[in-house]
Amino acid sequence: MAIDIEARFPVEEVADGAALAGDLFRRRYRLEIPDFPLHVVGFWVDDDGRRHPACYIHWSRDGDILLGGGACSDDRLLRRLPADHRQALRGAGGIYRHTLVRSLALYADRCEALFGYSGDPLAIRETCAAGFEATGHPHLLVHFPRPLPAARRQALIAQAHAIGPF
């Protein structure tokens, strides 16, 4: 029987990222989750219906753009998944890409552009596979949820670039 990726791996904006994904974030970064207003969690739902945080991304707003950061996934949990669940998740590009793609859908109507910042080649590859593109600035990636005039796109990129690493 095919695994329903949306049912087994739902992605949601949550009010309290620290309560749901604080342990995951601390394991990855050795820090507390920042007090940003937008937290997205990708869950794995087990056979008993329990939801386990599998991936986390936080977003912060700067005018008409959103800045994504703090992405992390629970590799220990992912290794324990049933084989058919792991296979279904691989078909969706993995938990990070799955969570990022769903984040784009969540926020498409709330901003003009979403940005990511990374120097990690694997993260860059997966972020681009989710729909982001290079900006011409090292490490800075962008996703435009709808067409914009070139001048507006460049202004938004300049705005994100001026912020520096996030």
N, C-alpha and C. Protein backbone atom coordinates (compact mmCIF):
# COMPACT_ATOMS: atom_id res chain seq x y z
N MET A 1 0.84 -1.18 0.00
CA MET A 1 0.00 0.00 0.00
C MET A 1 0.89 1.24 0.00
N ALA A 2 0.56 2.21 -0.83
CA ALA A 2 1.34 3.43 -0.94
C ALA A 2 1.16 4.30 0.31
N ILE A 3 2.23 4.95 0.69
CA ILE A 3 2.20 5.85 1.83
C ILE A 3 1.68 7.21 1.38
N ASP A 4 0.72 7.74 2.11
CA ASP A 4 0.20 9.09 1.85
C ASP A 4 1.17 10.08 2.51
N ILE A 5 2.01 10.70 1.70
CA ILE A 5 3.06 11.57 2.23
C ILE A 5 2.49 12.72 3.04
N GLU A 6 1.35 13.27 2.63
CA GLU A 6 0.75 14.40 3.35
C GLU A 6 0.20 13.96 4.70
N ALA A 7 -0.32 12.75 4.79
CA ALA A 7 -0.86 12.26 6.05
C ALA A 7 0.25 11.82 7.01
N ARG A 8 1.29 11.19 6.49
CA ARG A 8 2.38 10.70 7.34
C ARG A 8 3.40 11.77 7.67
N PHE A 9 3.52 12.78 6.82
CA PHE A 9 4.51 13.84 7.02
C PHE A 9 3.87 15.21 6.84
N PRO A 10 2.90 15.56 7.70
CA PRO A 10 2.27 16.87 7.58
C PRO A 10 3.25 17.99 7.96
N VAL A 11 3.08 19.13 7.35
CA VAL A 11 3.91 20.31 7.63
C VAL A 11 2.97 21.43 8.03
N GLU A 12 3.28 22.08 9.16
CA GLU A 12 2.39 23.11 9.68
C GLU A 12 3.16 24.27 10.27
N GLU A 13 2.56 25.44 10.16
CA GLU A 13 3.03 26.57 10.95
C GLU A 13 2.52 26.35 12.37
N VAL A 14 3.38 26.50 13.35
CA VAL A 14 3.00 26.28 14.74
C VAL A 14 3.26 27.54 15.55
N ALA A 15 2.45 27.75 16.58
CA ALA A 15 2.60 28.94 17.42
C ALA A 15 3.81 28.86 18.33
N ASP A 16 4.11 27.67 18.81
CA ASP A 16 5.20 27.52 19.79
C ASP A 16 6.26 26.55 19.26
N GLY A 17 7.16 27.09 18.46
CA GLY A 17 8.23 26.28 17.89
C GLY A 17 9.10 25.66 18.95
N ALA A 18 9.36 26.39 20.04
CA ALA A 18 10.23 25.88 21.10
C ALA A 18 9.63 24.64 21.75
N ALA A 19 8.33 24.63 21.98
CA ALA A 19 7.70 23.49 22.64
C ALA A 19 7.73 22.25 21.76
N LEU A 20 7.57 22.44 20.45
CA LEU A 20 7.49 21.29 19.55
C LEU A 20 8.84 20.86 18.98
N ALA A 21 9.72 21.81 18.73
CA ALA A 21 10.98 21.47 18.07
C ALA A 21 12.21 22.00 18.80
N GLY A 22 12.03 22.45 20.03
CA GLY A 22 13.15 23.00 20.79
C GLY A 22 14.29 22.01 20.99
N ASP A 23 13.95 20.76 21.31
CA ASP A 23 15.00 19.75 21.50
C ASP A 23 15.76 19.51 20.21
N LEU A 24 15.06 19.42 19.12
CA LEU A 24 15.68 19.22 17.81
C LEU A 24 16.62 20.38 17.48
N PHE A 25 16.17 21.59 17.68
CA PHE A 25 16.98 22.77 17.38
C PHE A 25 18.23 22.81 18.27
N ARG A 26 18.04 22.53 19.58
CA ARG A 26 19.18 22.52 20.50
C ARG A 26 20.21 21.46 20.12
N ARG A 27 19.76 20.29 19.70
CA ARG A 27 20.70 19.24 19.27
C ARG A 27 21.53 19.70 18.09
N ARG A 28 20.90 20.40 17.15
CA ARG A 28 21.60 20.82 15.94
C ARG A 28 22.50 22.03 16.15
N TYR A 29 21.98 23.04 16.86
CA TYR A 29 22.70 24.31 16.96
C TYR A 29 23.28 24.61 18.34
N ARG A 30 22.91 23.81 19.34
CA ARG A 30 23.33 24.07 20.72
C ARG A 30 22.88 25.46 21.20
N LEU A 31 21.70 25.86 20.71
CA LEU A 31 21.09 27.14 21.06
C LEU A 31 19.59 26.94 21.24
N GLU A 32 18.96 27.92 21.85
CA GLU A 32 17.50 27.91 21.94
C GLU A 32 16.93 28.44 20.62
N ILE A 33 15.73 28.00 20.28
CA ILE A 33 15.06 28.50 19.09
C ILE A 33 14.87 30.01 19.23
N PRO A 34 15.21 30.77 18.20
CA PRO A 34 15.00 32.23 18.27
C PRO A 34 13.52 32.56 18.43
N ASP A 35 13.27 33.70 19.00
CA ASP A 35 11.90 34.14 19.23
C ASP A 35 11.37 34.84 17.99
N PHE A 36 11.36 34.12 16.87
CA PHE A 36 10.81 34.65 15.64
C PHE A 36 9.34 34.26 15.58
N PRO A 37 8.55 35.03 14.87
CA PRO A 37 7.11 34.77 14.91
C PRO A 37 6.64 33.57 14.09
N LEU A 38 7.41 33.12 13.12
CA LEU A 38 6.92 32.06 12.23
C LEU A 38 7.77 30.81 12.37
N HIS A 39 7.12 29.75 12.82
CA HIS A 39 7.79 28.47 13.01
C HIS A 39 7.07 27.41 12.18
N VAL A 40 7.82 26.66 11.41
CA VAL A 40 7.24 25.58 10.61
C VAL A 40 7.86 24.26 11.06
N VAL A 41 7.01 23.29 11.29
CA VAL A 41 7.47 21.96 11.70
C VAL A 41 6.93 20.93 10.73
N GLY A 42 7.84 20.07 10.28
CA GLY A 42 7.46 18.89 9.51
C GLY A 42 7.41 17.72 10.47
N PHE A 43 6.28 17.07 10.54
CA PHE A 43 6.07 15.97 11.49
C PHE A 43 6.12 14.63 10.77
N TRP A 44 6.38 13.59 11.55
CA TRP A 44 6.12 12.22 11.12
C TRP A 44 5.02 11.71 12.03
N VAL A 45 3.99 11.12 11.45
CA VAL A 45 2.87 10.56 12.21
C VAL A 45 3.03 9.04 12.24
N ASP A 46 3.16 8.49 13.44
CA ASP A 46 3.36 7.04 13.57
C ASP A 46 2.02 6.30 13.44
N ASP A 47 2.07 4.99 13.52
CA ASP A 47 0.86 4.17 13.34
C ASP A 47 -0.19 4.40 14.41
N ASP A 48 0.22 4.94 15.56
CA ASP A 48 -0.73 5.24 16.64
C ASP A 48 -1.26 6.67 16.57
N GLY A 49 -0.86 7.40 15.52
CA GLY A 49 -1.33 8.76 15.35
C GLY A 49 -0.54 9.81 16.10
N ARG A 50 0.54 9.39 16.77
CA ARG A 50 1.38 10.36 17.48
C ARG A 50 2.23 11.12 16.47
N ARG A 51 2.38 12.43 16.72
CA ARG A 51 3.15 13.30 15.83
C ARG A 51 4.52 13.55 16.43
N HIS A 52 5.55 13.32 15.64
CA HIS A 52 6.94 13.49 16.07
C HIS A 52 7.59 14.56 15.19
N PRO A 53 8.15 15.62 15.79
CA PRO A 53 8.84 16.63 14.99
C PRO A 53 10.02 16.00 14.24
N ALA A 54 10.04 16.15 12.94
CA ALA A 54 11.11 15.58 12.11
C ALA A 54 11.95 16.65 11.45
N CYS A 55 11.39 17.86 11.29
CA CYS A 55 12.12 18.95 10.64
C CYS A 55 11.58 20.27 11.16
N TYR A 56 12.44 21.27 11.22
CA TYR A 56 12.06 22.58 11.72
C TYR A 56 12.70 23.65 10.84
N ILE A 57 11.95 24.72 10.57
CA ILE A 57 12.45 25.91 9.88
C ILE A 57 11.78 27.12 10.52
N HIS A 58 12.54 28.17 10.83
CA HIS A 58 11.91 29.40 11.29
C HIS A 58 12.01 30.46 10.19
N TRP A 59 11.03 31.35 10.22
CA TRP A 59 10.94 32.44 9.24
C TRP A 59 10.76 33.75 9.98
N SER A 60 11.43 34.78 9.49
CA SER A 60 11.24 36.11 10.04
C SER A 60 10.90 37.05 8.90
N ARG A 61 10.16 38.07 9.23
CA ARG A 61 9.69 39.02 8.22
C ARG A 61 10.56 40.27 8.25
N ASP A 62 10.84 40.78 7.06
CA ASP A 62 11.46 42.08 6.90
C ASP A 62 10.72 42.78 5.76
N GLY A 63 9.71 43.55 6.10
CA GLY A 63 8.89 44.19 5.08
C GLY A 63 8.14 43.15 4.25
N ASP A 64 8.39 43.15 2.95
CA ASP A 64 7.68 42.26 2.03
C ASP A 64 8.39 40.94 1.78
N ILE A 65 9.43 40.66 2.58
CA ILE A 65 10.18 39.41 2.38
C ILE A 65 10.17 38.58 3.66
N LEU A 66 10.36 37.28 3.48
CA LEU A 66 10.55 36.36 4.60
C LEU A 66 11.94 35.77 4.49
N LEU A 67 12.59 35.64 5.64
CA LEU A 67 13.94 35.08 5.73
C LEU A 67 13.85 33.77 6.47
N GLY A 68 14.27 32.69 5.80
CA GLY A 68 14.21 31.37 6.41
C GLY A 68 15.55 31.00 7.00
N GLY A 69 15.51 30.34 8.13
CA GLY A 69 16.75 29.91 8.77
C GLY A 69 16.50 28.85 9.81
N GLY A 70 17.58 28.44 10.43
CA GLY A 70 17.48 27.47 11.52
C GLY A 70 16.97 26.11 11.11
N ALA A 71 17.08 25.78 9.84
CA ALA A 71 16.56 24.50 9.38
C ALA A 71 17.36 23.36 10.01
N CYS A 72 16.63 22.37 10.47
CA CYS A 72 17.27 21.17 11.02
C CYS A 72 16.29 20.02 10.96
N SER A 73 16.84 18.84 10.85
CA SER A 73 16.00 17.64 10.82
C SER A 73 16.54 16.63 11.82
N ASP A 74 15.67 15.75 12.23
CA ASP A 74 16.00 14.75 13.25
C ASP A 74 16.46 13.47 12.57
N ASP A 75 17.77 13.38 12.33
CA ASP A 75 18.31 12.20 11.64
C ASP A 75 18.12 10.93 12.45
N ARG A 76 18.10 11.03 13.76
CA ARG A 76 17.87 9.82 14.58
C ARG A 76 16.46 9.28 14.37
N LEU A 77 15.49 10.18 14.34
CA LEU A 77 14.12 9.77 14.08
C LEU A 77 14.00 9.19 12.67
N LEU A 78 14.59 9.86 11.70
CA LEU A 78 14.46 9.42 10.31
C LEU A 78 15.06 8.03 10.09
N ARG A 79 16.13 7.72 10.79
CA ARG A 79 16.73 6.38 10.67
C ARG A 79 15.83 5.28 11.24
N ARG A 80 14.95 5.65 12.15
CA ARG A 80 14.06 4.67 12.79
C ARG A 80 12.73 4.48 12.06
N LEU A 81 12.49 5.27 11.03
CA LEU A 81 11.22 5.15 10.30
C LEU A 81 11.10 3.77 9.66
N PRO A 82 9.87 3.28 9.53
CA PRO A 82 9.67 2.05 8.75
C PRO A 82 10.19 2.25 7.32
N ALA A 83 10.67 1.19 6.74
CA ALA A 83 11.29 1.26 5.41
C ALA A 83 10.37 1.90 4.37
N ASP A 84 9.08 1.58 4.39
CA ASP A 84 8.18 2.16 3.39
C ASP A 84 7.97 3.66 3.62
N HIS A 85 8.05 4.11 4.86
CA HIS A 85 7.94 5.54 5.14
C HIS A 85 9.20 6.27 4.66
N ARG A 86 10.37 5.67 4.92
CA ARG A 86 11.62 6.27 4.43
C ARG A 86 11.61 6.37 2.91
N GLN A 87 11.13 5.32 2.25
CA GLN A 87 11.08 5.32 0.79
C GLN A 87 10.14 6.40 0.27
N ALA A 88 8.98 6.55 0.89
CA ALA A 88 8.02 7.59 0.48
C ALA A 88 8.62 8.98 0.69
N LEU A 89 9.32 9.15 1.80
CA LEU A 89 9.94 10.44 2.07
C LEU A 89 11.05 10.74 1.08
N ARG A 90 11.83 9.73 0.71
CA ARG A 90 12.86 9.91 -0.34
C ARG A 90 12.21 10.35 -1.64
N GLY A 91 11.05 9.78 -1.95
CA GLY A 91 10.33 10.17 -3.17
C GLY A 91 9.89 11.62 -3.16
N ALA A 92 9.74 12.19 -1.97
CA ALA A 92 9.37 13.61 -1.83
C ALA A 92 10.61 14.49 -1.72
N GLY A 93 11.78 13.89 -1.85
CA GLY A 93 13.02 14.66 -1.79
C GLY A 93 13.65 14.73 -0.41
N GLY A 94 13.08 14.04 0.56
CA GLY A 94 13.60 14.08 1.93
C GLY A 94 12.81 15.04 2.79
N ILE A 95 13.02 14.94 4.08
CA ILE A 95 12.20 15.72 5.02
C ILE A 95 12.46 17.22 4.90
N TYR A 96 13.70 17.63 4.68
CA TYR A 96 13.98 19.07 4.57
C TYR A 96 13.29 19.65 3.34
N ARG A 97 13.49 19.03 2.20
CA ARG A 97 12.87 19.56 0.98
C ARG A 97 11.36 19.54 1.10
N HIS A 98 10.81 18.46 1.62
CA HIS A 98 9.36 18.36 1.80
C HIS A 98 8.84 19.50 2.68
N THR A 99 9.52 19.76 3.80
CA THR A 99 9.11 20.81 4.71
C THR A 99 9.27 22.18 4.07
N LEU A 100 10.35 22.37 3.33
CA LEU A 100 10.59 23.66 2.68
C LEU A 100 9.55 23.93 1.59
N VAL A 101 9.24 22.93 0.77
CA VAL A 101 8.23 23.10 -0.28
C VAL A 101 6.88 23.47 0.34
N ARG A 102 6.53 22.80 1.43
CA ARG A 102 5.26 23.11 2.08
C ARG A 102 5.30 24.50 2.72
N SER A 103 6.47 24.94 3.21
CA SER A 103 6.61 26.30 3.74
C SER A 103 6.34 27.33 2.65
N LEU A 104 6.86 27.08 1.46
CA LEU A 104 6.62 28.01 0.36
C LEU A 104 5.13 28.14 0.08
N ALA A 105 4.43 27.02 0.12
CA ALA A 105 2.99 27.06 -0.09
C ALA A 105 2.28 27.81 1.03
N LEU A 106 2.73 27.63 2.27
CA LEU A 106 2.12 28.32 3.41
C LEU A 106 2.25 29.83 3.31
N TYR A 107 3.40 30.30 2.80
CA TYR A 107 3.71 31.72 2.84
C TYR A 107 3.62 32.43 1.50
N ALA A 108 3.26 31.75 0.46
CA ALA A 108 3.23 32.34 -0.89
C ALA A 108 2.38 33.60 -0.97
N ASP A 109 1.29 33.64 -0.25
CA ASP A 109 0.41 34.81 -0.33
C ASP A 109 0.70 35.84 0.76
N ARG A 110 1.76 35.64 1.54
CA ARG A 110 2.07 36.55 2.63
C ARG A 110 3.31 37.41 2.38
N CYS A 111 3.95 37.22 1.23
CA CYS A 111 5.17 37.98 0.96
C CYS A 111 5.45 38.02 -0.53
N GLU A 112 6.39 38.85 -0.91
CA GLU A 112 6.79 38.92 -2.32
C GLU A 112 7.96 37.99 -2.63
N ALA A 113 8.74 37.64 -1.61
CA ALA A 113 9.89 36.76 -1.82
C ALA A 113 10.26 36.09 -0.51
N LEU A 114 10.78 34.88 -0.64
CA LEU A 114 11.31 34.14 0.50
C LEU A 114 12.79 33.91 0.24
N PHE A 115 13.60 34.10 1.26
CA PHE A 115 15.04 33.97 1.11
C PHE A 115 15.60 32.91 2.05
N GLY A 116 16.65 32.29 1.58
CA GLY A 116 17.45 31.38 2.39
C GLY A 116 18.90 31.81 2.30
N TYR A 117 19.68 31.42 3.29
CA TYR A 117 21.09 31.77 3.32
C TYR A 117 21.86 30.55 3.79
N SER A 118 22.76 30.06 2.95
CA SER A 118 23.52 28.88 3.33
C SER A 118 24.82 28.79 2.55
N GLY A 119 25.81 28.24 3.20
CA GLY A 119 27.07 27.94 2.55
C GLY A 119 27.28 26.45 2.40
N ASP A 120 26.32 25.66 2.85
CA ASP A 120 26.43 24.21 2.80
C ASP A 120 25.97 23.70 1.43
N PRO A 121 26.85 23.02 0.68
CA PRO A 121 26.47 22.58 -0.67
C PRO A 121 25.23 21.68 -0.72
N LEU A 122 25.07 20.79 0.25
CA LEU A 122 23.88 19.93 0.26
C LEU A 122 22.62 20.75 0.51
N ALA A 123 22.68 21.66 1.48
CA ALA A 123 21.52 22.51 1.76
C ALA A 123 21.17 23.38 0.56
N ILE A 124 22.19 23.90 -0.11
CA ILE A 124 21.94 24.72 -1.30
C ILE A 124 21.27 23.88 -2.39
N ARG A 125 21.76 22.69 -2.60
CA ARG A 125 21.17 21.81 -3.63
C ARG A 125 19.71 21.51 -3.32
N GLU A 126 19.42 21.17 -2.07
CA GLU A 126 18.05 20.83 -1.70
C GLU A 126 17.14 22.06 -1.71
N THR A 127 17.68 23.21 -1.32
CA THR A 127 16.90 24.44 -1.33
C THR A 127 16.54 24.82 -2.77
N CYS A 128 17.49 24.68 -3.67
CA CYS A 128 17.22 24.97 -5.09
C CYS A 128 16.23 23.95 -5.66
N ALA A 129 16.35 22.71 -5.26
CA ALA A 129 15.40 21.68 -5.73
C ALA A 129 13.98 21.98 -5.24
N ALA A 130 13.86 22.71 -4.13
CA ALA A 130 12.55 23.07 -3.60
C ALA A 130 11.95 24.28 -4.31
N GLY A 131 12.75 24.97 -5.14
CA GLY A 131 12.21 26.08 -5.90
C GLY A 131 12.94 27.40 -5.72
N PHE A 132 14.03 27.40 -4.99
CA PHE A 132 14.82 28.62 -4.82
C PHE A 132 15.81 28.75 -5.97
N GLU A 133 16.38 29.94 -6.12
CA GLU A 133 17.38 30.18 -7.16
C GLU A 133 18.47 31.08 -6.60
N ALA A 134 19.61 31.07 -7.25
CA ALA A 134 20.73 31.92 -6.86
C ALA A 134 20.36 33.37 -7.08
N THR A 135 20.98 34.25 -6.31
CA THR A 135 20.71 35.69 -6.40
C THR A 135 21.86 36.47 -7.00
N GLY A 136 23.00 35.84 -7.16
CA GLY A 136 24.20 36.56 -7.57
C GLY A 136 25.06 36.96 -6.39
N HIS A 137 24.54 36.75 -5.18
CA HIS A 137 25.29 37.00 -3.95
C HIS A 137 25.61 35.64 -3.32
N PRO A 138 26.85 35.43 -2.91
CA PRO A 138 27.21 34.14 -2.31
C PRO A 138 26.26 33.79 -1.15
N HIS A 139 25.81 32.56 -1.16
CA HIS A 139 25.01 31.97 -0.08
C HIS A 139 23.55 32.42 -0.03
N LEU A 140 23.18 33.47 -0.76
CA LEU A 140 21.83 34.01 -0.69
C LEU A 140 20.98 33.43 -1.82
N LEU A 141 19.88 32.78 -1.44
CA LEU A 141 18.96 32.14 -2.38
C LEU A 141 17.59 32.79 -2.24
N VAL A 142 16.81 32.78 -3.32
CA VAL A 142 15.50 33.41 -3.30
C VAL A 142 14.46 32.54 -4.00
N HIS A 143 13.23 32.67 -3.52
CA HIS A 143 12.07 32.09 -4.20
C HIS A 143 11.04 33.20 -4.32
N PHE A 144 10.60 33.43 -5.55
CA PHE A 144 9.53 34.39 -5.81
C PHE A 144 8.26 33.59 -6.05
N PRO A 145 7.26 33.73 -5.19
CA PRO A 145 6.04 32.93 -5.34
C PRO A 145 5.17 33.31 -6.53
N ARG A 146 5.42 34.50 -7.09
CA ARG A 146 4.66 34.93 -8.27
C ARG A 146 5.56 35.85 -9.10
N PRO A 147 5.24 36.04 -10.35
CA PRO A 147 6.07 36.90 -11.21
C PRO A 147 6.10 38.34 -10.69
N LEU A 148 7.29 38.91 -10.76
CA LEU A 148 7.49 40.31 -10.39
C LEU A 148 8.35 40.97 -11.45
N PRO A 149 8.20 42.27 -11.64
CA PRO A 149 9.09 42.98 -12.58
C PRO A 149 10.54 42.83 -12.12
N ALA A 150 11.45 42.82 -13.06
CA ALA A 150 12.88 42.63 -12.77
C ALA A 150 13.39 43.64 -11.76
N ALA A 151 12.97 44.88 -11.87
CA ALA A 151 13.44 45.91 -10.94
C ALA A 151 12.99 45.61 -9.50
N ARG A 152 11.76 45.12 -9.37
CA ARG A 152 11.26 44.78 -8.02
C ARG A 152 12.02 43.58 -7.46
N ARG A 153 12.26 42.59 -8.30
CA ARG A 153 13.03 41.41 -7.87
C ARG A 153 14.41 41.84 -7.36
N GLN A 154 15.08 42.70 -8.12
CA GLN A 154 16.41 43.15 -7.72
C GLN A 154 16.37 43.97 -6.43
N ALA A 155 15.32 44.77 -6.25
CA ALA A 155 15.20 45.55 -5.02
C ALA A 155 15.02 44.64 -3.80
N LEU A 156 14.24 43.58 -3.96
CA LEU A 156 14.04 42.64 -2.85
C LEU A 156 15.32 41.88 -2.55
N ILE A 157 16.05 41.50 -3.59
CA ILE A 157 17.33 40.82 -3.38
C ILE A 157 18.30 41.74 -2.66
N ALA A 158 18.35 43.01 -3.06
CA ALA A 158 19.23 43.97 -2.40
C ALA A 158 18.84 44.15 -0.93
N GLN A 159 17.56 44.15 -0.65
CA GLN A 159 17.07 44.26 0.72
C GLN A 159 17.56 43.08 1.57
N ALA A 160 17.41 41.87 1.06
CA ALA A 160 17.86 40.69 1.80
C ALA A 160 19.37 40.67 1.94
N HIS A 161 20.08 41.03 0.89
CA HIS A 161 21.54 41.03 0.92
C HIS A 161 22.07 42.02 1.96
N ALA A 162 21.40 43.15 2.10
CA ALA A 162 21.82 44.18 3.06
C ALA A 162 21.72 43.68 4.51
N ILE A 163 20.85 42.71 4.75
CA ILE A 163 20.70 42.16 6.09
C ILE A 163 21.94 41.37 6.50
N GLY A 164 22.57 40.73 5.53
CA GLY A 164 23.73 39.89 5.83
C GLY A 164 23.26 38.49 6.20
N PRO A 165 24.14 37.65 6.73
CA PRO A 165 23.76 36.28 7.09
C PRO A 165 22.59 36.29 8.08
N PHE A 166 21.65 35.41 7.85
CA PHE A 166 20.51 35.29 8.76
C PHE A 166 20.22 33.83 9.03
